[in-house]
């Protein structure tokens, strides 16, 4: 990664492209991954898009890479070009309002490199991290399982302050994790190494979100690597110093709480965590959850309030639930998004999933005497669900939106994970159908968007669906997607629209267009 050439050209001097109002076609795209494109946001306002791809082969060892930046009408704004070793793999990318950061992995040199660019095209910071052989193995296992559609699980933007990363490492006998933070406005960085304080054999961190002063993670710990009982902790690190502000167990005397998502509370420095809860002596690996919990924390990590909505109590007034704590045919629920509207209400957007037996995994295990590469359990992704809560987090409405179920095989060993941990894996690997949620500036309207596959007599294929909340009412819309592209992805766009991106591998062409919703 030592030979870097950054070039900036105006749109008409760039790689060949065809542009029309709300439409863009880029030629000579030799290689591109879905997760290396994204939207550029300023708070809740969409400003544009970026995409990263291999644009040329310089020689047998070197590729040319291009980052293209567009406005919200798909007008081409900037190109950032550089040459690098073809052994370099871009793992993830993220945007935070002032810059774009990319996470590169060089398998040959066993290094991770973080590079941040501003919109003048200048590389404003770079940081290289050398990996041990064991950490390299863990990293390759993590990303080797991800499809092109996978979501970021190691690199996240933190408002306009910088970027936070979390990835697995192996330190001695411990399987653990490391957190790094990179500032946007200064050449400064800090690291938090969990192994220095770790007592458990295995620990894994999932980024939940941030406040003005904290980056917050859920940490799952187990005494043993396989079959150990998982325990949930909430970790808060100071954004500016990397010092641990708090690490508190979410297994209280009343219930065990497993958070899934975080939300700011308008007009308060406190923050909301929402997830599922279990009996205090419940076995999370086997037992069903009791319902949905909302815990409010202050910046010091103290619990300010707790609210529990049980499946067979308050929630059952709106949707049917069974005795095992599941929402009828929905199964377990994973929360993708929590948001607060201008009227003070909260909405939680979830998707159902089930942990079911895998015929392929069982057969592979038998043939390989228990050492198969596929788990003996797989995930079945079911329907989408929305929950409405008032400002006291009392449930006021809930609705299930039917969609086609799909099953996803998991890596060997995943069967020993709790349903909650398997859902986190599924999110990172792109197994869920949820795409994104759009909100207007006033927080009076939002749209939940997801993909589906239908088999109707009139149409068979992939569809893009939206659920829109406006003036207290929910409406739905659907776009039928017919494409010969290798892959297709839908992005947020200006209010009332979406942006559709398609990659045609054989033609080496990337196409983007804006589509209006009803």
Foldseek 3Di string as FASTA:
>chain_A
DPFKDWDKDAPVPDADWDDDFQKIKGFQFQDFFPQQKFFADQVQRTFWIKGKGFRADPDPFKTKIWIWIAGQRRHTGIIIIIMDGPQKDWQHWEYANFWIKTWIARPVQQKIKIWIAGPVRDTPEMDIDHADPQQSVQVCVLRVLFDSQFYDFFWYYAHQFWIKGKGWHDDPQATEIKMKTAGDPDHDIDIDGPVVPDDARYKDWTFAGAAPFWTKIWMWGFNDPFQGQIFIWIWIATNPHRDTLDIGGCLDPAWHFDFFHKDCQPPAQKIKTKDFIDGSPDRLQDAATQAMKIWIAHPSGDTPDIDGDGQVPQVCVAANDDPRRARVVQAGKHWDDWDAALVQKIKTKIWGKDKAADPVQVVQCVVVVHDGQWARIWMKTWWIKMWMAHNVRRTDHMDTDGADIDIDIDTHSCSRPGPVVVVVSCNRNNVYFWADKRADPNRQKMKTKGKGADDDPVDGGIKIKIWMAHPRDTDIWIDGDDDPAPDKDWHPHPPQKIKIWGHHNVRNMIMIGIDGTD
